[in-house]
Amino acid sequence: MSRAIAARADPTEKDRVKAALSILLSQGRAVGVHVVAAIQDPRKEVLPFRDLFPTRIGLRLAEAAQVDLVLGDGMRDRGALCDRIPQSLPGVGFVVIDGDPTPMRVRFSYLSDDEIREMAQTYGRLRVIDGEVLDGVA
């Protein structure tokens, strides 16, 4: 969505989206609304609304300059070395939370495609009704 909006030339439309996202991200948290955005191309024109998101996560990035684009200005200098995460460590990243100037290194669970298929095959057909596990379609 952000990329489509950033590509448009109409500033009025961009302002409307920014205002709506701002309200949703600031007031929506009180009632339990969560907005998740994910991008693969961390260029400036793709991330015009990144400052509206209170929590940002950066995984492995290709260039040092991309770290500050994704996590916020100065985060690489503060220790978020997303561009130095080796390919052998899938799931490692850095998290930045609004109000805390220190990026936190985290490790998420990583499952390969084969492991996901196996779990879906094993548990995808199980149904739990009143605490009892039933195999097959309910």
C-alpha atoms as a PDB file:
ATOM      1  CA  MET A   1       0.000   0.000   0.000  1.00  0.00           C
ATOM      2  CA  SER A   2       2.749   2.428   0.929  1.00  0.00           C
ATOM      3  CA  ARG A   3       4.538   1.841  -2.362  1.00  0.00           C
ATOM      4  CA  ALA A   4       1.371   2.464  -4.359  1.00  0.00           C
ATOM      5  CA  ILE A   5       0.697   5.652  -2.438  1.00  0.00           C
ATOM      6  CA  ALA A   6       4.294   6.832  -2.699  1.00  0.00           C
ATOM      7  CA  ALA A   7       4.236   6.320  -6.474  1.00  0.00           C
ATOM      8  CA  ARG A   8       1.210   8.562  -6.935  1.00  0.00           C
ATOM      9  CA  ALA A   9       1.766  12.231  -7.601  1.00  0.00           C
ATOM     10  CA  ASP A  10      -1.383  13.507  -5.877  1.00  0.00           C
ATOM     11  CA  PRO A  11      -0.246  15.132  -2.593  1.00  0.00           C
ATOM     12  CA  THR A  12      -3.848  15.355  -1.354  1.00  0.00           C
ATOM     13  CA  GLU A  13      -4.206  11.575  -1.491  1.00  0.00           C
ATOM     14  CA  LYS A  14      -0.899  11.087   0.322  1.00  0.00           C
ATOM     15  CA  ASP A  15      -1.998  13.516   3.044  1.00  0.00           C
ATOM     16  CA  ARG A  16      -5.326  11.699   3.485  1.00  0.00           C
ATOM     17  CA  VAL A  17      -3.584   8.332   3.852  1.00  0.00           C
ATOM     18  CA  LYS A  18      -1.014   9.765   6.244  1.00  0.00           C
ATOM     19  CA  ALA A  19      -3.769  11.317   8.386  1.00  0.00           C
ATOM     20  CA  ALA A  20      -5.782   8.066   8.434  1.00  0.00           C
ATOM     21  CA  LEU A  21      -2.713   5.991   9.319  1.00  0.00           C
ATOM     22  CA  SER A  22      -1.744   8.476  12.002  1.00  0.00           C
ATOM     23  CA  ILE A  23      -5.141   8.218  13.671  1.00  0.00           C
ATOM     24  CA  LEU A  24      -5.261   4.440  13.341  1.00  0.00           C
ATOM     25  CA  LEU A  25      -1.743   3.935  14.689  1.00  0.00           C
ATOM     26  CA  SER A  26      -2.068   6.361  17.595  1.00  0.00           C
ATOM     27  CA  GLN A  27      -5.663   5.790  18.719  1.00  0.00           C
ATOM     28  CA  GLY A  28      -6.174   2.256  17.467  1.00  0.00           C
ATOM     29  CA  ARG A  29      -3.771   0.793  20.006  1.00  0.00           C
ATOM     30  CA  ALA A  30      -6.131   1.700  22.846  1.00  0.00           C
ATOM     31  CA  VAL A  31      -8.837  -0.585  21.460  1.00  0.00           C
ATOM     32  CA  GLY A  32      -6.458  -3.319  20.338  1.00  0.00           C
ATOM     33  CA  VAL A  33      -6.006  -2.482  16.648  1.00  0.00           C
ATOM     34  CA  HIS A  34      -2.639  -3.559  15.281  1.00  0.00           C
ATOM     35  CA  VAL A  35      -1.310  -2.450  11.913  1.00  0.00           C
ATOM     36  CA  VAL A  36       1.495  -4.472  10.386  1.00  0.00           C
ATOM     37  CA  ALA A  37       3.412  -3.279   7.353  1.00  0.00           C
ATOM     38  CA  ALA A  38       6.151  -5.208   5.587  1.00  0.00           C
ATOM     39  CA  ILE A  39       8.374  -4.106   2.737  1.00  0.00           C
ATOM     40  CA  GLN A  40      11.132  -5.643   0.678  1.00  0.00           C
ATOM     41  CA  ASP A  41      12.513  -2.424  -0.816  1.00  0.00           C
ATOM     42  CA  PRO A  42      13.564   0.040   1.917  1.00  0.00           C
ATOM     43  CA  ARG A  43      14.038   3.130  -0.281  1.00  0.00           C
ATOM     44  CA  LYS A  44      13.018   6.570   0.977  1.00  0.00           C
ATOM     45  CA  GLU A  45      10.119   6.921  -1.465  1.00  0.00           C
ATOM     46  CA  VAL A  46       8.696   3.538  -0.399  1.00  0.00           C
ATOM     47  CA  LEU A  47       8.846   4.374   3.323  1.00  0.00           C
ATOM     48  CA  PRO A  48       7.245   7.810   3.601  1.00  0.00           C
ATOM     49  CA  PHE A  49       5.107   6.820   6.611  1.00  0.00           C
ATOM     50  CA  ARG A  50       7.632   4.803   8.633  1.00  0.00           C
ATOM     51  CA  ASP A  51       7.671   7.333  11.487  1.00  0.00           C
ATOM     52  CA  LEU A  52       3.988   6.647  12.140  1.00  0.00           C
ATOM     53  CA  PHE A  53       4.712   3.077  13.244  1.00  0.00           C
ATOM     54  CA  PRO A  54       5.664   2.901  16.945  1.00  0.00           C
ATOM     55  CA  THR A  55       7.598  -0.363  16.594  1.00  0.00           C
ATOM     56  CA  ARG A  56       9.987  -1.102  13.738  1.00  0.00           C
ATOM     57  CA  ILE A  57      11.793  -4.344  12.992  1.00  0.00           C
ATOM     58  CA  GLY A  58      14.793  -4.626  10.688  1.00  0.00           C
ATOM     59  CA  LEU A  59      16.031  -8.023   9.590  1.00  0.00           C
ATOM     60  CA  ARG A  60      19.054  -8.631   7.347  1.00  0.00           C
ATOM     61  CA  LEU A  61      19.582  -5.673   4.998  1.00  0.00           C
ATOM     62  CA  ALA A  62      21.926  -5.317   2.041  1.00  0.00           C
ATOM     63  CA  GLU A  63      23.415  -1.882   2.775  1.00  0.00           C
ATOM     64  CA  ALA A  64      24.301   0.161   5.842  1.00  0.00           C
ATOM     65  CA  ALA A  65      22.227   3.122   4.611  1.00  0.00           C
ATOM     66  CA  GLN A  66      19.091   0.960   4.587  1.00  0.00           C
ATOM     67  CA  VAL A  67      19.282   0.462   8.364  1.00  0.00           C
ATOM     68  CA  ASP A  68      18.487   4.099   9.110  1.00  0.00           C
ATOM     69  CA  LEU A  69      15.751   4.122   6.456  1.00  0.00           C
ATOM     70  CA  VAL A  70      13.993   1.161   8.057  1.00  0.00           C
ATOM     71  CA  LEU A  71      14.620   1.720  11.773  1.00  0.00           C
ATOM     72  CA  GLY A  72      15.043   5.504  11.935  1.00  0.00           C
ATOM     73  CA  ASP A  73      17.836   8.030  11.748  1.00  0.00           C
ATOM     74  CA  GLY A  74      20.970   7.137  13.687  1.00  0.00           C
ATOM     75  CA  MET A  75      19.928   3.580  14.592  1.00  0.00           C
ATOM     76  CA  ARG A  76      22.874   1.961  12.830  1.00  0.00           C
ATOM     77  CA  ASP A  77      25.262   4.199  14.782  1.00  0.00           C
ATOM     78  CA  ARG A  78      23.484   3.085  17.966  1.00  0.00           C
ATOM     79  CA  GLY A  79      24.167  -0.582  17.235  1.00  0.00           C
ATOM     80  CA  ALA A  80      21.495  -1.860  14.846  1.00  0.00           C
ATOM     81  CA  LEU A  81      23.859  -3.575  12.420  1.00  0.00           C
ATOM     82  CA  CYS A  82      21.234  -5.178  10.176  1.00  0.00           C
ATOM     83  CA  ASP A  83      23.609  -5.020   7.211  1.00  0.00           C
ATOM     84  CA  ARG A  84      26.074  -7.273   9.056  1.00  0.00           C
ATOM     85  CA  ILE A  85      23.665 -10.087   9.906  1.00  0.00           C
ATOM     86  CA  PRO A  86      25.024 -13.189   8.149  1.00  0.00           C
ATOM     87  CA  GLN A  87      22.783 -15.289   5.949  1.00  0.00           C
ATOM     88  CA  SER A  88      23.499 -18.204   8.282  1.00  0.00           C
ATOM     89  CA  LEU A  89      21.430 -16.499  11.038  1.00  0.00           C
ATOM     90  CA  PRO A  90      17.855 -16.354   9.709  1.00  0.00           C
ATOM     91  CA  GLY A  91      15.440 -14.647  12.069  1.00  0.00           C
ATOM     92  CA  VAL A  92      17.999 -12.333  13.670  1.00  0.00           C
ATOM     93  CA  GLY A  93      17.093  -8.663  13.602  1.00  0.00           C
ATOM     94  CA  PHE A  94      16.833  -5.431  15.535  1.00  0.00           C
ATOM     95  CA  VAL A  95      13.733  -3.839  17.073  1.00  0.00           C
ATOM     96  CA  VAL A  96      13.233  -0.151  17.762  1.00  0.00           C
ATOM     97  CA  ILE A  97      10.350   1.032  19.934  1.00  0.00           C
ATOM     98  CA  ASP A  98       9.234   4.663  20.004  1.00  0.00           C
ATOM     99  CA  GLY A  99      10.642   6.497  22.973  1.00  0.00           C
ATOM    100  CA  ASP A 100      13.609   4.154  23.423  1.00  0.00           C
ATOM    101  CA  PRO A 101      16.728   5.308  21.560  1.00  0.00           C
ATOM    102  CA  THR A 102      18.451   1.921  21.886  1.00  0.00           C
ATOM    103  CA  PRO A 103      17.822  -0.770  19.264  1.00  0.00           C
ATOM    104  CA  MET A 104      17.339  -4.252  20.687  1.00  0.00           C
ATOM    105  CA  ARG A 105      18.829  -7.343  19.007  1.00  0.00           C
ATOM    106  CA  VAL A 106      16.284 -10.152  18.777  1.00  0.00           C
ATOM    107  CA  ARG A 107      16.062 -13.647  17.354  1.00  0.00           C
ATOM    108  CA  PHE A 108      12.783 -14.855  15.971  1.00  0.00           C
ATOM    109  CA  SER A 109      11.844 -18.460  15.395  1.00  0.00           C
ATOM    110  CA  TYR A 110      12.775 -19.560  11.922  1.00  0.00           C
ATOM    111  CA  LEU A 111      11.002 -22.380  10.158  1.00  0.00           C
ATOM    112  CA  SER A 112      11.969 -23.635   6.731  1.00  0.00           C
ATOM    113  CA  ASP A 113       9.307 -24.197   4.069  1.00  0.00           C
ATOM    114  CA  ASP A 114       9.554 -27.953   4.632  1.00  0.00           C
ATOM    115  CA  GLU A 115       8.959 -27.539   8.382  1.00  0.00           C
ATOM    116  CA  ILE A 116       5.924 -25.339   7.722  1.00  0.00           C
ATOM    117  CA  ARG A 117       4.510 -27.916   5.262  1.00  0.00           C
ATOM    118  CA  GLU A 118       5.067 -30.698   7.790  1.00  0.00           C
ATOM    119  CA  MET A 119       3.291 -28.768  10.557  1.00  0.00           C
ATOM    120  CA  ALA A 120       0.393 -27.909   8.249  1.00  0.00           C
ATOM    121  CA  GLN A 121       0.076 -31.550   7.214  1.00  0.00           C
ATOM    122  CA  THR A 122       0.290 -32.821  10.799  1.00  0.00           C
ATOM    123  CA  TYR A 123      -1.847 -30.259  12.605  1.00  0.00           C
ATOM    124  CA  GLY A 124      -3.909 -28.706   9.825  1.00  0.00           C
ATOM    125  CA  ARG A 125      -6.612 -31.356  10.012  1.00  0.00           C
ATOM    126  CA  LEU A 126      -6.814 -31.569  13.795  1.00  0.00           C
ATOM    127  CA  ARG A 127      -9.821 -29.989  15.459  1.00  0.00           C
ATOM    128  CA  VAL A 128     -10.191 -29.332  19.175  1.00  0.00           C
ATOM    129  CA  ILE A 129     -13.719 -29.348  20.541  1.00  0.00           C
ATOM    130  CA  ASP A 130     -14.296 -28.952  24.286  1.00  0.00           C
ATOM    131  CA  GLY A 131     -10.653 -29.836  24.942  1.00  0.00           C
ATOM    132  CA  GLU A 132     -10.798 -33.071  22.957  1.00  0.00           C
ATOM    133  CA  VAL A 133      -8.572 -33.456  19.881  1.00  0.00           C
ATOM    134  CA  LEU A 134     -10.475 -34.855  16.881  1.00  0.00           C
ATOM    135  CA  ASP A 135      -8.689 -35.969  13.717  1.00  0.00           C
ATOM    136  CA  GLY A 136     -10.235 -35.207  10.342  1.00  0.00           C
ATOM    137  CA  VAL A 137     -12.774 -32.646   9.215  1.00  0.00           C
ATOM    138  CA  ALA A 138     -15.251 -31.442  11.790  1.00  0.00           C
END
